Amino acid sequence: MDSPLNPYAVWAITVDPLNPEILFAGTGTPCPSKVFRSTDGGKSWEEKPAAIADECPNVGIPRVTGIAIDPVNRHNIWVGIEVDGLRCSTDCGETWKTINGTAIPNPDVHSVAVAEGPSQDGLLRGQ
């Protein structure tokens, strides 16, 4: 199927369960790692500024390996990146924070899931 993302290797994609017009896609090896958002069911895509490393040790170009939409607050989007950690957006992908360090001691993230439950506001603030 033809798509505006044809030039990219898409490694992860997710659809907003309450609004299937909103999709997020993540790319990576062999093309640059990027996060894209569509608000029209995939007809068009806009790159979002997730500040992903161009290269990482042992893998070269990293891959976006997981994307999750918070089931309680759909403005919270989580992106896992191979050897470059975790990113979180609290404004539906407009801006992103890197969540690494003590919150995520191993930056080699290969999947992301968000479950309903007590708030983890410290993670959202990057602490």
C-alpha atoms as a PDB file:
ATOM      1  CA  MET A   1       0.000   0.000   0.000  1.00  0.00           C
ATOM      2  CA  ASP A   2       1.409   3.393  -0.969  1.00  0.00           C
ATOM      3  CA  SER A   3       1.966   5.828   1.883  1.00  0.00           C
ATOM      4  CA  PRO A   4       3.822   9.092   2.509  1.00  0.00           C
ATOM      5  CA  LEU A   5       6.039   6.944   4.792  1.00  0.00           C
ATOM      6  CA  ASN A   6       7.221   4.735   1.881  1.00  0.00           C
ATOM      7  CA  PRO A   7      10.794   6.194   2.012  1.00  0.00           C
ATOM      8  CA  TYR A   8      11.162   5.066   5.645  1.00  0.00           C
ATOM      9  CA  ALA A   9      11.546   1.729   7.408  1.00  0.00           C
ATOM     10  CA  VAL A  10       8.602   1.786   9.835  1.00  0.00           C
ATOM     11  CA  TRP A  11       9.335  -0.336  12.931  1.00  0.00           C
ATOM     12  CA  ALA A  12       6.408   0.673  15.154  1.00  0.00           C
ATOM     13  CA  ILE A  13       2.920   2.039  14.655  1.00  0.00           C
ATOM     14  CA  THR A  14      -0.065   2.654  16.918  1.00  0.00           C
ATOM     15  CA  VAL A  15      -3.609   3.878  16.442  1.00  0.00           C
ATOM     16  CA  ASP A  16      -5.561   5.937  18.958  1.00  0.00           C
ATOM     17  CA  PRO A  17      -8.308   3.504  20.078  1.00  0.00           C
ATOM     18  CA  LEU A  18     -10.875   6.288  20.493  1.00  0.00           C
ATOM     19  CA  ASN A  19     -10.005   8.199  17.327  1.00  0.00           C
ATOM     20  CA  PRO A  20      -8.611   5.974  14.547  1.00  0.00           C
ATOM     21  CA  GLU A  21      -7.725   9.077  12.517  1.00  0.00           C
ATOM     22  CA  ILE A  22      -4.793   9.665  14.922  1.00  0.00           C
ATOM     23  CA  LEU A  23      -1.801   7.397  14.322  1.00  0.00           C
ATOM     24  CA  PHE A  24       1.835   7.448  15.383  1.00  0.00           C
ATOM     25  CA  ALA A  25       4.664   5.750  13.506  1.00  0.00           C
ATOM     26  CA  GLY A  26       8.337   5.283  14.342  1.00  0.00           C
ATOM     27  CA  THR A  27      11.167   4.618  11.935  1.00  0.00           C
ATOM     28  CA  GLY A  28      14.794   3.529  12.091  1.00  0.00           C
ATOM     29  CA  THR A  29      17.513   1.380  10.546  1.00  0.00           C
ATOM     30  CA  PRO A  30      18.405   1.706   7.709  1.00  0.00           C
ATOM     31  CA  CYS A  31      16.835   5.186   7.558  1.00  0.00           C
ATOM     32  CA  PRO A  32      16.978   7.858  10.297  1.00  0.00           C
ATOM     33  CA  SER A  33      14.975   7.318  13.479  1.00  0.00           C
ATOM     34  CA  LYS A  34      11.964   9.607  13.566  1.00  0.00           C
ATOM     35  CA  VAL A  35       8.491   9.849  15.075  1.00  0.00           C
ATOM     36  CA  PHE A  36       5.571  10.787  12.834  1.00  0.00           C
ATOM     37  CA  ARG A  37       1.936  11.623  13.598  1.00  0.00           C
ATOM     38  CA  SER A  38      -1.068  11.454  11.298  1.00  0.00           C
ATOM     39  CA  THR A  39      -4.387  13.109  12.123  1.00  0.00           C
ATOM     40  CA  ASP A  40      -6.158  11.944   8.952  1.00  0.00           C
ATOM     41  CA  GLY A  41      -5.946   8.169   9.159  1.00  0.00           C
ATOM     42  CA  GLY A  42      -2.515   7.930   7.502  1.00  0.00           C
ATOM     43  CA  LYS A  43      -3.167  10.011   4.379  1.00  0.00           C
ATOM     44  CA  SER A  44      -0.528  12.503   5.529  1.00  0.00           C
ATOM     45  CA  TRP A  45       2.188  12.401   8.203  1.00  0.00           C
ATOM     46  CA  GLU A  46       4.053  15.085  10.134  1.00  0.00           C
ATOM     47  CA  GLU A  47       7.451  14.510  11.722  1.00  0.00           C
ATOM     48  CA  LYS A  48       7.498  15.307  15.450  1.00  0.00           C
ATOM     49  CA  PRO A  49      10.661  16.482  17.303  1.00  0.00           C
ATOM     50  CA  ALA A  50      11.572  13.527  19.556  1.00  0.00           C
ATOM     51  CA  ALA A  51      15.360  14.235  19.591  1.00  0.00           C
ATOM     52  CA  ILE A  52      16.483  10.687  18.761  1.00  0.00           C
ATOM     53  CA  ALA A  53      20.214   9.998  18.460  1.00  0.00           C
ATOM     54  CA  ASP A  54      21.556   9.719  14.913  1.00  0.00           C
ATOM     55  CA  GLU A  55      23.734   6.766  15.974  1.00  0.00           C
ATOM     56  CA  CYS A  56      24.084   4.574  19.056  1.00  0.00           C
ATOM     57  CA  PRO A  57      26.875   2.203  20.126  1.00  0.00           C
ATOM     58  CA  ASN A  58      26.651  -1.365  18.797  1.00  0.00           C
ATOM     59  CA  VAL A  59      23.537  -0.723  16.656  1.00  0.00           C
ATOM     60  CA  GLY A  60      24.405   2.220  14.421  1.00  0.00           C
ATOM     61  CA  ILE A  61      21.111   3.866  13.565  1.00  0.00           C
ATOM     62  CA  PRO A  62      18.587   3.130  16.353  1.00  0.00           C
ATOM     63  CA  ARG A  63      14.995   2.068  15.742  1.00  0.00           C
ATOM     64  CA  VAL A  64      11.747   3.225  17.289  1.00  0.00           C
ATOM     65  CA  THR A  65      10.642  -0.138  18.684  1.00  0.00           C
ATOM     66  CA  GLY A  66       7.428   0.684  20.529  1.00  0.00           C
ATOM     67  CA  ILE A  67       4.739   3.356  20.755  1.00  0.00           C
ATOM     68  CA  ALA A  68       1.911   3.501  23.288  1.00  0.00           C
ATOM     69  CA  ILE A  69      -0.959   5.891  23.933  1.00  0.00           C
ATOM     70  CA  ASP A  70      -1.950   6.336  27.574  1.00  0.00           C
ATOM     71  CA  PRO A  71      -5.457   4.826  27.994  1.00  0.00           C
ATOM     72  CA  VAL A  72      -6.413   7.391  30.659  1.00  0.00           C
ATOM     73  CA  ASN A  73      -4.927  10.558  29.135  1.00  0.00           C
ATOM     74  CA  ARG A  74      -4.623  10.179  25.360  1.00  0.00           C
ATOM     75  CA  HIS A  75      -2.372  13.248  25.179  1.00  0.00           C
ATOM     76  CA  ASN A  76       0.387  11.182  26.851  1.00  0.00           C
ATOM     77  CA  ILE A  77       2.341   9.289  24.190  1.00  0.00           C
ATOM     78  CA  TRP A  78       5.280   6.983  24.985  1.00  0.00           C
ATOM     79  CA  VAL A  79       7.994   5.951  22.516  1.00  0.00           C
ATOM     80  CA  GLY A  80      10.675   3.321  23.156  1.00  0.00           C
ATOM     81  CA  ILE A  81      13.916   3.496  21.177  1.00  0.00           C
ATOM     82  CA  GLU A  82      16.529   0.795  20.718  1.00  0.00           C
ATOM     83  CA  VAL A  83      19.631   1.867  22.708  1.00  0.00           C
ATOM     84  CA  ASP A  84      18.363   5.464  23.043  1.00  0.00           C
ATOM     85  CA  GLY A  85      15.808   5.133  25.838  1.00  0.00           C
ATOM     86  CA  LEU A  86      12.287   6.368  26.296  1.00  0.00           C
ATOM     87  CA  ARG A  87      10.492   9.507  25.144  1.00  0.00           C
ATOM     88  CA  CYS A  88       7.230  10.902  26.481  1.00  0.00           C
ATOM     89  CA  SER A  89       4.932  13.574  25.152  1.00  0.00           C
ATOM     90  CA  THR A  90       2.174  15.124  27.253  1.00  0.00           C
ATOM     91  CA  ASP A  91       0.721  17.140  24.357  1.00  0.00           C
ATOM     92  CA  CYS A  92      -0.111  14.436  21.790  1.00  0.00           C
ATOM     93  CA  GLY A  93       3.327  14.455  20.186  1.00  0.00           C
ATOM     94  CA  GLU A  94       3.964  18.187  19.803  1.00  0.00           C
ATOM     95  CA  THR A  95       6.914  18.152  22.229  1.00  0.00           C
ATOM     96  CA  TRP A  96       8.925  15.293  23.787  1.00  0.00           C
ATOM     97  CA  LYS A  97      10.955  14.658  26.934  1.00  0.00           C
ATOM     98  CA  THR A  98      13.710  12.096  27.247  1.00  0.00           C
ATOM     99  CA  ILE A  99      13.144   9.704  30.162  1.00  0.00           C
ATOM    100  CA  ASN A 100      16.462   8.015  30.947  1.00  0.00           C
ATOM    101  CA  GLY A 101      18.881   7.857  33.852  1.00  0.00           C
ATOM    102  CA  THR A 102      17.477   6.601  37.163  1.00  0.00           C
ATOM    103  CA  ALA A 103      13.913   6.246  35.812  1.00  0.00           C
ATOM    104  CA  ILE A 104      15.064   4.003  32.943  1.00  0.00           C
ATOM    105  CA  PRO A 105      18.547   2.650  33.804  1.00  0.00           C
ATOM    106  CA  ASN A 106      18.831   0.545  30.614  1.00  0.00           C
ATOM    107  CA  PRO A 107      18.245   2.644  27.474  1.00  0.00           C
ATOM    108  CA  ASP A 108      17.763  -0.434  25.260  1.00  0.00           C
ATOM    109  CA  VAL A 109      13.957  -0.248  25.037  1.00  0.00           C
ATOM    110  CA  HIS A 110      12.225  -2.758  22.755  1.00  0.00           C
ATOM    111  CA  SER A 111       8.575  -2.419  23.735  1.00  0.00           C
ATOM    112  CA  VAL A 112       6.267   0.067  25.438  1.00  0.00           C
ATOM    113  CA  ALA A 113       2.971  -0.529  27.221  1.00  0.00           C
ATOM    114  CA  VAL A 114       0.895   1.810  29.365  1.00  0.00           C
ATOM    115  CA  ALA A 115      -1.610   0.419  31.841  1.00  0.00           C
ATOM    116  CA  GLU A 116      -4.369   2.209  33.667  1.00  0.00           C
ATOM    117  CA  GLY A 117      -3.458   2.780  37.296  1.00  0.00           C
ATOM    118  CA  PRO A 118      -1.790   5.216  39.722  1.00  0.00           C
ATOM    119  CA  SER A 119      -0.113   8.207  38.089  1.00  0.00           C
ATOM    120  CA  GLN A 120       3.632   8.168  37.546  1.00  0.00           C
ATOM    121  CA  ASP A 121       3.976  11.950  37.326  1.00  0.00           C
ATOM    122  CA  GLY A 122       7.705  11.735  38.105  1.00  0.00           C
ATOM    123  CA  LEU A 123       8.271   9.871  34.842  1.00  0.00           C
ATOM    124  CA  LEU A 124       6.261  12.448  32.909  1.00  0.00           C
ATOM    125  CA  ARG A 125       8.483  15.184  34.340  1.00  0.00           C
ATOM    126  CA  GLY A 126      11.621  13.204  33.419  1.00  0.00           C
ATOM    127  CA  GLN A 127      12.673  12.533  37.024  1.00  0.00           C
END
